[in-house]
């Protein structure tokens, strides 16, 4: 579907999406803020199910993700980069299927007699979603990382910023925000560009680089 995985920012507290993405880039960290997966309601798991979320949605369909996130600011990574940091695709299980029944049985068994956080099943549950009959969201092709994602500028394949801010963003990011933070020299895209525009920029990347 895509060679890359993307994360779009939302405003956090009083910060708008632009301020949020600049904070993420300055600190080299995408914070895991919420629990995800099929064990979010299991008591006794603490923060083991808290994840940072990403999407493998094709880059020519990013407008759907922009609408959902209400933001045009984000960061893109090559898939091997995130896999090396513990990321995995989300497994979507449909209702009334053998695979869902089997996995649910494993979770139920792991809960018998009390929850042991060291049980390997709890390292899998953040990556498994039970689909509801009337709510399908697998089109996002979601990936997750348990806990925060820590990264360096070399890990970032490209950034998303509205086109009218590209010149200012490049000037700010290349010198590390006036020398106060890390420098980013990766390409900058507008997620609302058409596929031809996006691929013209991505064609300049060395996709063989992990």
N, C-alpha and C. Protein backbone atom coordinates (compact mmCIF):
# COMPACT_ATOMS: atom_id res chain seq x y z
N UNK A 1 0.82 -1.21 0.00
CA UNK A 1 0.00 0.00 0.00
C UNK A 1 0.86 1.25 0.00
N UNK A 2 1.90 1.26 0.83
CA UNK A 2 2.79 2.41 0.94
C UNK A 2 4.11 1.94 1.51
N UNK A 3 5.19 2.62 1.14
CA UNK A 3 6.51 2.32 1.71
C UNK A 3 6.73 3.06 3.02
N UNK A 4 5.78 3.91 3.39
CA UNK A 4 5.96 4.80 4.52
C UNK A 4 4.81 4.69 5.51
N UNK A 5 5.07 5.16 6.72
CA UNK A 5 4.06 5.23 7.77
C UNK A 5 4.05 6.67 8.27
N UNK A 6 2.87 7.24 8.48
CA UNK A 6 2.77 8.66 8.80
C UNK A 6 2.04 8.87 10.12
N UNK A 7 2.34 9.99 10.75
CA UNK A 7 1.67 10.41 11.97
C UNK A 7 1.27 11.87 11.81
N UNK A 8 -0.03 12.16 11.96
CA UNK A 8 -0.51 13.53 11.90
C UNK A 8 -0.79 14.05 13.30
N UNK A 9 -0.43 15.30 13.52
CA UNK A 9 -0.60 15.89 14.84
C UNK A 9 -1.96 16.56 14.98
N UNK A 10 -2.42 16.60 16.20
CA UNK A 10 -3.57 17.41 16.56
C UNK A 10 -3.11 18.46 17.56
N UNK A 11 -3.93 19.46 17.77
CA UNK A 11 -3.61 20.41 18.82
C UNK A 11 -3.68 19.73 20.17
N UNK A 12 -2.78 20.09 21.06
CA UNK A 12 -2.75 19.53 22.42
C UNK A 12 -2.89 20.68 23.40
N UNK A 13 -3.94 20.66 24.21
CA UNK A 13 -4.17 21.75 25.16
C UNK A 13 -4.38 23.06 24.43
N UNK A 14 -3.57 24.04 24.76
CA UNK A 14 -3.68 25.35 24.11
C UNK A 14 -2.86 25.44 22.83
N UNK A 15 -2.13 24.37 22.50
CA UNK A 15 -1.27 24.39 21.32
C UNK A 15 -2.04 23.94 20.08
N UNK A 16 -1.82 24.62 18.95
CA UNK A 16 -2.42 24.21 17.70
C UNK A 16 -1.55 23.12 17.06
N UNK A 17 -2.01 22.48 15.96
CA UNK A 17 -1.23 21.40 15.35
C UNK A 17 0.18 21.81 14.94
N UNK A 18 0.38 23.07 14.49
CA UNK A 18 1.72 23.52 14.11
C UNK A 18 2.64 23.53 15.32
N UNK A 19 2.18 24.09 16.42
CA UNK A 19 3.00 24.12 17.63
C UNK A 19 3.31 22.71 18.10
N UNK A 20 2.33 21.82 17.98
CA UNK A 20 2.53 20.44 18.40
C UNK A 20 3.59 19.75 17.57
N UNK A 21 3.55 19.90 16.23
CA UNK A 21 4.55 19.22 15.40
C UNK A 21 5.93 19.78 15.65
N UNK A 22 6.04 21.09 15.89
CA UNK A 22 7.35 21.66 16.17
C UNK A 22 7.90 21.16 17.50
N UNK A 23 7.03 20.96 18.48
CA UNK A 23 7.45 20.39 19.75
C UNK A 23 7.92 18.95 19.57
N UNK A 24 7.19 18.18 18.78
CA UNK A 24 7.57 16.79 18.50
C UNK A 24 8.96 16.74 17.87
N UNK A 25 9.19 17.60 16.87
CA UNK A 25 10.48 17.59 16.17
C UNK A 25 11.60 18.08 17.07
N UNK A 26 11.31 19.06 17.90
CA UNK A 26 12.32 19.58 18.80
C UNK A 26 12.79 18.53 19.81
N UNK A 27 11.84 17.74 20.32
CA UNK A 27 12.16 16.76 21.35
C UNK A 27 12.46 15.37 20.77
N UNK A 28 12.16 15.17 19.48
CA UNK A 28 12.38 13.85 18.90
C UNK A 28 11.55 12.79 19.56
N UNK A 29 10.29 13.12 19.84
CA UNK A 29 9.43 12.19 20.57
C UNK A 29 7.97 12.37 20.16
N UNK A 30 7.33 11.27 19.78
CA UNK A 30 5.88 11.24 19.62
C UNK A 30 5.33 10.52 20.83
N UNK A 31 4.60 11.26 21.64
CA UNK A 31 4.14 10.71 22.92
C UNK A 31 2.96 9.75 22.73
N UNK A 32 3.00 8.67 23.49
CA UNK A 32 1.88 7.74 23.57
C UNK A 32 0.95 8.25 24.65
N UNK A 33 -0.24 8.65 24.27
CA UNK A 33 -1.14 9.31 25.22
C UNK A 33 -2.33 8.45 25.63
N UNK A 34 -2.71 7.47 24.81
CA UNK A 34 -3.93 6.70 25.08
C UNK A 34 -3.68 5.21 24.91
N UNK A 35 -4.50 4.42 25.58
CA UNK A 35 -4.45 2.98 25.44
C UNK A 35 -5.25 2.56 24.21
N UNK A 36 -4.76 1.54 23.50
CA UNK A 36 -5.41 1.05 22.29
C UNK A 36 -5.42 -0.47 22.30
N UNK A 37 -6.25 -1.05 21.44
CA UNK A 37 -6.29 -2.49 21.29
C UNK A 37 -7.44 -3.11 22.04
N UNK A 38 -7.49 -4.42 22.00
CA UNK A 38 -8.64 -5.16 22.51
C UNK A 38 -8.59 -5.38 24.01
N UNK A 39 -7.54 -4.90 24.70
CA UNK A 39 -7.46 -5.10 26.15
C UNK A 39 -7.50 -3.79 26.92
N UNK A 40 -8.02 -2.74 26.30
CA UNK A 40 -8.02 -1.43 26.97
C UNK A 40 -8.90 -1.42 28.21
N UNK A 41 -9.86 -2.34 28.28
CA UNK A 41 -10.76 -2.37 29.44
C UNK A 41 -10.37 -3.42 30.47
N UNK A 42 -9.21 -4.04 30.26
CA UNK A 42 -8.74 -5.05 31.22
C UNK A 42 -8.03 -4.36 32.37
N UNK A 43 -8.50 -4.57 33.58
CA UNK A 43 -7.90 -3.93 34.74
C UNK A 43 -6.58 -4.62 35.11
N UNK A 44 -5.65 -3.82 35.59
CA UNK A 44 -4.39 -4.36 36.07
C UNK A 44 -3.25 -4.32 35.08
N UNK A 45 -3.47 -3.72 33.90
CA UNK A 45 -2.42 -3.67 32.90
C UNK A 45 -1.61 -2.39 32.93
N UNK A 46 -2.01 -1.45 33.78
CA UNK A 46 -1.26 -0.20 33.88
C UNK A 46 -1.14 0.50 32.54
N UNK A 47 0.08 0.94 32.21
CA UNK A 47 0.31 1.65 30.95
C UNK A 47 0.80 0.76 29.83
N UNK A 48 0.66 -0.55 29.97
CA UNK A 48 1.20 -1.46 28.96
C UNK A 48 0.50 -1.39 27.62
N UNK A 49 -0.71 -0.82 27.59
CA UNK A 49 -1.48 -0.76 26.34
C UNK A 49 -1.46 0.63 25.71
N UNK A 50 -0.69 1.54 26.28
CA UNK A 50 -0.62 2.91 25.76
C UNK A 50 0.33 2.94 24.56
N UNK A 51 -0.13 3.55 23.47
CA UNK A 51 0.61 3.48 22.21
C UNK A 51 0.67 4.84 21.50
N UNK A 52 1.68 4.98 20.66
CA UNK A 52 1.71 6.04 19.64
C UNK A 52 1.20 5.42 18.35
N UNK A 53 0.41 6.17 17.59
CA UNK A 53 -0.30 5.62 16.43
C UNK A 53 0.16 6.25 15.12
N UNK A 54 0.13 5.43 14.07
CA UNK A 54 0.58 5.83 12.74
C UNK A 54 -0.35 5.22 11.70
N UNK A 55 -0.17 5.61 10.45
CA UNK A 55 -1.02 5.09 9.39
C UNK A 55 -0.19 4.77 8.16
N UNK A 56 -0.57 3.65 7.52
CA UNK A 56 0.07 3.24 6.26
C UNK A 56 -0.82 3.59 5.07
N UNK A 57 -1.76 4.48 5.25
CA UNK A 57 -2.68 4.84 4.18
C UNK A 57 -1.89 5.35 2.98
N UNK A 58 -2.27 4.98 1.74
CA UNK A 58 -1.54 5.46 0.57
C UNK A 58 -1.46 6.98 0.55
N UNK A 59 -0.32 7.50 0.12
CA UNK A 59 -0.09 8.94 0.21
C UNK A 59 -1.01 9.75 -0.69
N UNK A 60 -1.61 9.10 -1.71
CA UNK A 60 -2.55 9.85 -2.54
C UNK A 60 -3.96 9.86 -1.95
N UNK A 61 -4.12 9.26 -0.76
CA UNK A 61 -5.41 9.28 -0.08
C UNK A 61 -5.32 9.99 1.27
N UNK A 62 -4.30 10.80 1.43
CA UNK A 62 -4.07 11.44 2.72
C UNK A 62 -5.17 12.42 3.11
N UNK A 63 -5.93 12.90 2.12
CA UNK A 63 -6.98 13.86 2.46
C UNK A 63 -7.99 13.27 3.44
N UNK A 64 -8.21 11.95 3.37
CA UNK A 64 -9.13 11.31 4.31
C UNK A 64 -8.59 11.40 5.74
N UNK A 65 -7.27 11.20 5.87
CA UNK A 65 -6.66 11.26 7.19
C UNK A 65 -6.59 12.69 7.69
N UNK A 66 -6.35 13.64 6.77
CA UNK A 66 -6.34 15.05 7.14
C UNK A 66 -7.71 15.46 7.70
N UNK A 67 -8.77 15.02 7.03
CA UNK A 67 -10.12 15.34 7.50
C UNK A 67 -10.37 14.74 8.88
N UNK A 68 -9.91 13.52 9.09
CA UNK A 68 -10.15 12.85 10.37
C UNK A 68 -9.36 13.49 11.49
N UNK A 69 -8.11 13.87 11.22
CA UNK A 69 -7.24 14.45 12.24
C UNK A 69 -7.41 15.97 12.35
N UNK A 70 -8.05 16.58 11.33
CA UNK A 70 -8.23 18.03 11.29
C UNK A 70 -6.87 18.73 11.39
N UNK A 71 -5.91 18.21 10.61
CA UNK A 71 -4.56 18.76 10.66
C UNK A 71 -3.83 18.42 9.36
N UNK A 72 -2.99 19.34 8.90
CA UNK A 72 -2.13 19.10 7.75
C UNK A 72 -0.66 19.03 8.15
N UNK A 73 -0.42 18.84 9.43
CA UNK A 73 0.96 18.76 9.95
C UNK A 73 1.25 17.34 10.41
N UNK A 74 2.40 16.83 9.97
CA UNK A 74 2.72 15.47 10.37
C UNK A 74 4.14 15.10 10.00
N UNK A 75 4.47 13.84 10.27
CA UNK A 75 5.81 13.33 10.04
C UNK A 75 5.70 11.94 9.44
N UNK A 76 6.58 11.63 8.48
CA UNK A 76 6.57 10.33 7.82
C UNK A 76 7.87 9.57 8.05
N UNK A 77 7.76 8.27 8.20
CA UNK A 77 8.92 7.40 8.42
C UNK A 77 8.89 6.26 7.41
N UNK A 78 10.06 5.74 7.06
CA UNK A 78 10.11 4.50 6.30
C UNK A 78 9.67 3.35 7.21
N UNK A 79 8.98 2.40 6.64
CA UNK A 79 8.49 1.28 7.45
C UNK A 79 9.61 0.56 8.21
N UNK A 80 10.75 0.24 7.58
CA UNK A 80 11.80 -0.47 8.34
C UNK A 80 12.29 0.32 9.55
N UNK A 81 12.24 1.65 9.46
CA UNK A 81 12.68 2.48 10.59
C UNK A 81 11.78 2.23 11.79
N UNK A 82 10.46 2.21 11.57
CA UNK A 82 9.54 2.00 12.68
C UNK A 82 9.55 0.56 13.17
N UNK A 83 9.70 -0.40 12.26
CA UNK A 83 9.76 -1.79 12.68
C UNK A 83 10.93 -2.01 13.63
N UNK A 84 12.06 -1.36 13.34
CA UNK A 84 13.23 -1.49 14.21
C UNK A 84 12.98 -0.88 15.59
N UNK A 85 11.98 -0.02 15.69
CA UNK A 85 11.65 0.61 16.97
C UNK A 85 10.45 -0.06 17.64
N UNK A 86 10.07 -1.23 17.15
CA UNK A 86 9.02 -2.00 17.80
C UNK A 86 7.63 -1.80 17.24
N UNK A 87 7.49 -1.09 16.14
CA UNK A 87 6.17 -0.85 15.56
C UNK A 87 5.65 -2.10 14.85
N UNK A 88 4.32 -2.19 14.76
CA UNK A 88 3.69 -3.29 14.04
C UNK A 88 2.35 -2.83 13.50
N UNK A 89 1.91 -3.48 12.43
CA UNK A 89 0.59 -3.21 11.88
C UNK A 89 -0.49 -3.70 12.85
N UNK A 90 -1.61 -3.01 12.86
CA UNK A 90 -2.74 -3.44 13.67
C UNK A 90 -3.47 -4.57 12.95
N UNK A 91 -3.85 -5.58 13.71
CA UNK A 91 -4.60 -6.72 13.19
C UNK A 91 -6.07 -6.48 13.51
N UNK A 92 -6.91 -6.35 12.46
CA UNK A 92 -8.33 -6.09 12.63
C UNK A 92 -9.09 -7.40 12.56
N UNK A 93 -9.83 -7.73 13.62
CA UNK A 93 -10.58 -8.99 13.67
C UNK A 93 -12.07 -8.70 13.55
N UNK A 94 -12.71 -9.31 12.56
CA UNK A 94 -14.13 -9.11 12.32
C UNK A 94 -14.97 -9.88 13.34
N UNK A 95 -16.19 -9.40 13.57
CA UNK A 95 -17.09 -10.12 14.48
C UNK A 95 -17.43 -11.52 13.95
N UNK A 96 -17.69 -12.43 14.89
CA UNK A 96 -18.20 -13.76 14.55
C UNK A 96 -17.29 -14.50 13.58
N UNK A 97 -15.98 -14.42 13.82
CA UNK A 97 -15.02 -15.15 13.00
C UNK A 97 -14.18 -16.06 13.89
N UNK A 98 -13.66 -17.15 13.35
CA UNK A 98 -12.83 -18.05 14.16
C UNK A 98 -11.59 -17.38 14.73
N UNK A 99 -10.97 -16.50 13.95
CA UNK A 99 -9.76 -15.85 14.45
C UNK A 99 -10.06 -14.96 15.65
N UNK A 100 -11.17 -14.24 15.58
CA UNK A 100 -11.54 -13.39 16.72
C UNK A 100 -11.89 -14.24 17.94
N UNK A 101 -12.65 -15.29 17.74
CA UNK A 101 -13.01 -16.16 18.85
C UNK A 101 -11.77 -16.77 19.49
N UNK A 102 -10.80 -17.17 18.66
CA UNK A 102 -9.59 -17.78 19.18
C UNK A 102 -8.78 -16.78 19.99
N UNK A 103 -8.63 -15.57 19.45
CA UNK A 103 -7.83 -14.58 20.17
C UNK A 103 -8.52 -14.16 21.45
N UNK A 104 -9.84 -13.97 21.39
CA UNK A 104 -10.58 -13.60 22.59
C UNK A 104 -10.45 -14.70 23.65
N UNK A 105 -10.43 -15.94 23.22
CA UNK A 105 -10.24 -17.03 24.16
C UNK A 105 -8.88 -16.98 24.84
N UNK A 106 -7.85 -16.60 24.09
CA UNK A 106 -6.51 -16.47 24.68
C UNK A 106 -6.47 -15.34 25.71
N UNK A 107 -7.14 -14.23 25.40
CA UNK A 107 -7.18 -13.11 26.33
C UNK A 107 -7.93 -13.49 27.60
N UNK A 108 -9.06 -14.16 27.42
CA UNK A 108 -9.86 -14.58 28.58
C UNK A 108 -9.06 -15.53 29.46
N UNK A 109 -8.35 -16.45 28.86
CA UNK A 109 -7.53 -17.40 29.62
C UNK A 109 -6.44 -16.67 30.39
N UNK A 110 -5.84 -15.64 29.78
CA UNK A 110 -4.78 -14.89 30.44
C UNK A 110 -5.29 -14.09 31.63
N UNK A 111 -6.59 -13.81 31.66
CA UNK A 111 -7.20 -13.06 32.76
C UNK A 111 -7.61 -13.97 33.93
N UNK A 112 -7.64 -15.26 33.68
CA UNK A 112 -8.10 -16.20 34.71
C UNK A 112 -7.13 -16.22 35.89
N UNK A 113 -7.65 -16.00 37.08
CA UNK A 113 -6.81 -16.03 38.27
C UNK A 113 -6.04 -14.74 38.51
N UNK A 114 -6.34 -13.70 37.74
CA UNK A 114 -5.65 -12.42 37.91
C UNK A 114 -4.74 -12.12 36.73
N UNK A 115 -4.50 -10.84 36.50
CA UNK A 115 -3.72 -10.39 35.36
C UNK A 115 -2.23 -10.31 35.72
N UNK A 116 -1.41 -10.98 34.93
CA UNK A 116 0.04 -10.91 35.07
C UNK A 116 0.57 -10.07 33.91
N UNK A 117 1.07 -8.88 34.23
CA UNK A 117 1.55 -7.98 33.17
C UNK A 117 2.69 -8.58 32.35
N UNK A 118 3.38 -9.57 32.91
CA UNK A 118 4.51 -10.18 32.20
C UNK A 118 4.06 -11.22 31.17
N UNK A 119 2.78 -11.57 31.16
CA UNK A 119 2.28 -12.53 30.18
C UNK A 119 2.46 -11.96 28.77
N UNK A 120 3.08 -12.71 27.86
CA UNK A 120 3.34 -12.18 26.50
C UNK A 120 2.10 -11.72 25.75
N UNK A 121 0.92 -12.23 26.12
CA UNK A 121 -0.29 -11.84 25.40
C UNK A 121 -0.52 -10.34 25.46
N UNK A 122 -0.10 -9.71 26.57
CA UNK A 122 -0.35 -8.27 26.72
C UNK A 122 0.59 -7.43 25.88
N UNK A 123 1.62 -8.07 25.30
CA UNK A 123 2.46 -7.36 24.33
C UNK A 123 1.85 -7.41 22.94
N UNK A 124 0.86 -8.27 22.76
CA UNK A 124 0.17 -8.38 21.47
C UNK A 124 -1.13 -7.59 21.43
N UNK A 125 -1.85 -7.54 22.55
CA UNK A 125 -3.18 -6.94 22.53
C UNK A 125 -3.22 -5.49 22.06
N UNK A 126 -2.18 -4.65 22.26
CA UNK A 126 -2.28 -3.29 21.72
C UNK A 126 -2.35 -3.25 20.19
N UNK A 127 -1.96 -4.37 19.54
CA UNK A 127 -1.92 -4.41 18.09
C UNK A 127 -3.10 -5.17 17.50
N UNK A 128 -4.12 -5.47 18.32
CA UNK A 128 -5.29 -6.21 17.85
C UNK A 128 -6.54 -5.39 18.16
N UNK A 129 -7.33 -5.10 17.13
CA UNK A 129 -8.60 -4.38 17.29
C UNK A 129 -9.76 -5.27 16.90
N UNK A 130 -10.81 -5.27 17.71
CA UNK A 130 -12.04 -5.96 17.37
C UNK A 130 -12.93 -4.99 16.60
N UNK A 131 -13.23 -5.30 15.35
CA UNK A 131 -14.08 -4.43 14.55
C UNK A 131 -15.53 -4.57 14.97
N UNK A 132 -16.22 -3.44 15.00
CA UNK A 132 -17.66 -3.44 15.27
C UNK A 132 -18.42 -3.54 13.95
N UNK A 133 -19.59 -4.17 13.95
CA UNK A 133 -20.33 -4.34 12.69
C UNK A 133 -20.67 -3.03 11.99
N UNK A 134 -20.91 -1.98 12.76
CA UNK A 134 -21.36 -0.72 12.16
C UNK A 134 -20.29 0.36 12.18
N UNK A 135 -19.04 -0.01 12.49
CA UNK A 135 -17.98 1.01 12.52
C UNK A 135 -16.70 0.38 12.03
N UNK A 136 -16.31 0.72 10.82
CA UNK A 136 -15.12 0.15 10.21
C UNK A 136 -14.09 1.26 10.02
N UNK A 137 -12.90 1.01 10.51
CA UNK A 137 -11.87 2.03 10.43
C UNK A 137 -10.55 1.45 9.93
N UNK A 138 -10.60 0.22 9.38
CA UNK A 138 -9.35 -0.40 8.94
C UNK A 138 -8.75 0.28 7.72
N UNK A 139 -9.53 1.20 7.08
CA UNK A 139 -8.99 1.92 5.93
C UNK A 139 -7.77 2.75 6.31
N UNK A 140 -7.62 3.08 7.60
CA UNK A 140 -6.44 3.84 8.04
C UNK A 140 -5.17 3.00 7.98
N UNK A 141 -5.32 1.66 7.95
CA UNK A 141 -4.16 0.76 7.95
C UNK A 141 -3.18 1.19 9.05
N UNK A 142 -3.68 1.11 10.26
CA UNK A 142 -2.96 1.68 11.39
C UNK A 142 -1.77 0.82 11.82
N UNK A 143 -0.73 1.50 12.26
CA UNK A 143 0.42 0.91 12.93
C UNK A 143 0.47 1.50 14.34
N UNK A 144 1.10 0.78 15.26
CA UNK A 144 1.27 1.30 16.61
C UNK A 144 2.65 0.94 17.15
N UNK A 145 3.08 1.76 18.09
CA UNK A 145 4.29 1.51 18.88
C UNK A 145 3.89 1.57 20.34
N UNK A 146 4.23 0.56 21.11
CA UNK A 146 3.94 0.60 22.54
C UNK A 146 4.85 1.63 23.19
N UNK A 147 4.23 2.56 23.91
CA UNK A 147 5.00 3.63 24.53
C UNK A 147 5.34 4.72 23.54
N UNK A 148 6.17 5.67 23.96
CA UNK A 148 6.56 6.79 23.10
C UNK A 148 7.46 6.31 21.97
N UNK A 149 7.38 7.00 20.84
CA UNK A 149 8.35 6.78 19.76
C UNK A 149 9.45 7.82 19.89
N UNK A 150 10.67 7.36 20.09
CA UNK A 150 11.83 8.25 20.15
C UNK A 150 12.55 8.18 18.81
N UNK A 151 12.87 9.33 18.23
CA UNK A 151 13.50 9.32 16.92
C UNK A 151 14.51 10.46 16.79
N UNK A 152 15.34 10.37 15.75
CA UNK A 152 16.31 11.41 15.42
C UNK A 152 15.94 11.99 14.05
N UNK A 153 16.52 13.12 13.67
CA UNK A 153 16.23 13.65 12.33
C UNK A 153 16.54 12.66 11.21
N UNK A 154 17.56 11.82 11.39
CA UNK A 154 17.90 10.85 10.34
C UNK A 154 16.82 9.78 10.17
N UNK A 155 15.97 9.59 11.19
CA UNK A 155 14.89 8.61 11.10
C UNK A 155 13.72 9.10 10.26
N UNK A 156 13.61 10.41 10.09
CA UNK A 156 12.43 11.02 9.45
C UNK A 156 12.61 11.03 7.93
N UNK A 157 11.64 10.47 7.21
CA UNK A 157 11.70 10.45 5.75
C UNK A 157 11.21 11.76 5.14
N UNK A 158 10.14 12.33 5.72
CA UNK A 158 9.60 13.60 5.23
C UNK A 158 8.67 14.17 6.27
N UNK A 159 8.32 15.43 6.08
CA UNK A 159 7.40 16.13 6.97
C UNK A 159 6.21 16.64 6.17
N UNK A 160 5.10 16.84 6.85
CA UNK A 160 3.91 17.43 6.25
C UNK A 160 3.67 18.81 6.83
N UNK A 161 3.59 19.80 5.95
CA UNK A 161 3.31 21.18 6.32
C UNK A 161 2.52 21.79 5.15
N UNK A 162 1.52 22.63 5.39
CA UNK A 162 0.83 23.29 4.29
C UNK A 162 1.82 24.02 3.36
N UNK A 163 1.55 23.94 2.07
CA UNK A 163 2.50 24.44 1.08
C UNK A 163 2.88 25.90 1.30
N UNK A 164 1.94 26.74 1.73
CA UNK A 164 2.24 28.15 1.88
C UNK A 164 3.24 28.43 3.01
N UNK A 165 3.52 27.41 3.83
CA UNK A 165 4.47 27.58 4.92
C UNK A 165 5.78 26.83 4.68
N UNK A 166 5.95 26.26 3.48
CA UNK A 166 7.15 25.45 3.23
C UNK A 166 8.44 26.24 3.35
N UNK A 167 8.48 27.42 2.76
CA UNK A 167 9.73 28.22 2.80
C UNK A 167 10.10 28.56 4.23
N UNK A 168 9.13 29.02 5.01
CA UNK A 168 9.41 29.38 6.40
C UNK A 168 9.78 28.15 7.21
N UNK A 169 9.09 27.03 6.97
CA UNK A 169 9.38 25.82 7.72
C UNK A 169 10.78 25.31 7.43
N UNK A 170 11.19 25.32 6.15
CA UNK A 170 12.53 24.86 5.80
C UNK A 170 13.59 25.73 6.46
N UNK A 171 13.40 27.02 6.42
CA UNK A 171 14.38 27.92 7.03
C UNK A 171 14.50 27.68 8.52
N UNK A 172 13.37 27.41 9.17
CA UNK A 172 13.36 27.18 10.62
C UNK A 172 13.96 25.83 10.97
N UNK A 173 13.59 24.80 10.20
CA UNK A 173 14.00 23.44 10.56
C UNK A 173 15.44 23.14 10.21
N UNK A 174 15.92 23.69 9.08
CA UNK A 174 17.28 23.37 8.65
C UNK A 174 18.31 23.89 9.64
N UNK A 175 18.04 25.07 10.26
CA UNK A 175 19.00 25.58 11.23
C UNK A 175 18.63 25.18 12.67
N UNK A 176 17.73 24.20 12.77
CA UNK A 176 17.40 23.69 14.10
C UNK A 176 16.67 24.69 14.96
N UNK A 177 15.77 25.45 14.35
CA UNK A 177 15.00 26.41 15.13
C UNK A 177 15.87 27.48 15.75
N UNK A 178 16.77 28.02 14.93
CA UNK A 178 17.66 29.06 15.46
C UNK A 178 18.77 28.49 16.33
N UNK A 179 19.09 27.21 16.10
CA UNK A 179 20.15 26.58 16.88
C UNK A 179 19.69 26.00 18.19
N UNK A 180 18.38 26.09 18.46
CA UNK A 180 17.87 25.61 19.75
C UNK A 180 17.50 24.14 19.73
N UNK A 181 17.47 23.52 18.54
CA UNK A 181 17.05 22.13 18.46
C UNK A 181 17.72 21.42 17.31
N UNK A 182 17.33 20.16 17.05
CA UNK A 182 17.93 19.39 15.95
C UNK A 182 17.54 19.94 14.59
N UNK A 183 18.39 19.72 13.60
CA UNK A 183 18.15 20.21 12.24
C UNK A 183 17.53 19.10 11.40
N UNK A 184 16.51 19.45 10.62
CA UNK A 184 15.83 18.51 9.72
C UNK A 184 16.02 18.98 8.28
N UNK A 185 16.60 18.12 7.46
CA UNK A 185 16.84 18.46 6.05
C UNK A 185 16.03 17.58 5.11
N UNK A 186 15.08 16.83 5.66
CA UNK A 186 14.26 15.94 4.84
C UNK A 186 13.26 16.75 4.01
N UNK A 187 12.67 16.14 2.98
CA UNK A 187 11.67 16.85 2.16
C UNK A 187 10.44 17.24 2.99
N UNK A 188 9.77 18.29 2.54
CA UNK A 188 8.53 18.73 3.16
C UNK A 188 7.42 18.65 2.11
N UNK A 189 6.33 17.99 2.46
CA UNK A 189 5.21 17.78 1.56
C UNK A 189 3.97 18.48 2.10
N UNK A 190 3.02 18.73 1.22
CA UNK A 190 1.68 19.14 1.63
C UNK A 190 0.80 17.91 1.45
N UNK A 191 0.11 17.44 2.51
CA UNK A 191 -0.68 16.22 2.37
C UNK A 191 -1.85 16.34 1.41
N UNK A 192 -2.19 17.56 1.00
CA UNK A 192 -3.28 17.75 0.05
C UNK A 192 -2.79 17.82 -1.39
N UNK A 193 -1.48 17.66 -1.61
CA UNK A 193 -0.98 17.56 -2.97
C UNK A 193 -1.55 16.31 -3.63
N UNK A 194 -1.61 16.31 -4.96
CA UNK A 194 -2.02 15.11 -5.66
C UNK A 194 -0.86 14.11 -5.70
N UNK A 195 -1.17 12.90 -6.15
CA UNK A 195 -0.17 11.83 -6.12
C UNK A 195 1.05 12.18 -6.96
N UNK A 196 0.86 12.83 -8.10
CA UNK A 196 1.99 13.17 -8.97
C UNK A 196 2.95 14.11 -8.25
N UNK A 197 2.42 15.10 -7.56
CA UNK A 197 3.27 16.04 -6.83
C UNK A 197 4.04 15.34 -5.70
N UNK A 198 3.34 14.48 -4.97
CA UNK A 198 3.99 13.78 -3.86
C UNK A 198 5.07 12.83 -4.37
N UNK A 199 4.76 12.06 -5.42
CA UNK A 199 5.73 11.10 -5.92
C UNK A 199 6.94 11.78 -6.55
N UNK A 200 6.76 12.98 -7.09
CA UNK A 200 7.89 13.72 -7.65
C UNK A 200 8.92 14.03 -6.57
N UNK A 201 8.43 14.34 -5.36
CA UNK A 201 9.35 14.61 -4.25
C UNK A 201 9.93 13.32 -3.71
N UNK A 202 9.09 12.29 -3.53
CA UNK A 202 9.57 11.03 -2.96
C UNK A 202 10.55 10.32 -3.87
N UNK A 203 10.49 10.58 -5.16
CA UNK A 203 11.40 9.93 -6.09
C UNK A 203 12.85 10.35 -5.84
N UNK A 204 13.02 11.45 -5.11
CA UNK A 204 14.37 11.92 -4.81
C UNK A 204 14.94 11.24 -3.57
N UNK A 205 14.11 10.50 -2.85
CA UNK A 205 14.58 9.83 -1.63
C UNK A 205 15.24 8.50 -1.98
N UNK A 206 16.20 8.13 -1.14
CA UNK A 206 16.81 6.81 -1.26
C UNK A 206 15.95 5.84 -0.45
N UNK A 207 14.98 5.19 -1.11
CA UNK A 207 14.05 4.34 -0.40
C UNK A 207 14.70 3.06 0.12
N UNK A 208 15.92 2.80 -0.33
CA UNK A 208 16.60 1.61 0.21
C UNK A 208 17.20 1.86 1.57
N UNK A 209 17.28 3.13 1.96
CA UNK A 209 17.84 3.45 3.27
C UNK A 209 16.85 3.08 4.37
N UNK A 210 17.29 2.35 5.39
CA UNK A 210 16.38 1.96 6.47
C UNK A 210 15.95 3.14 7.30
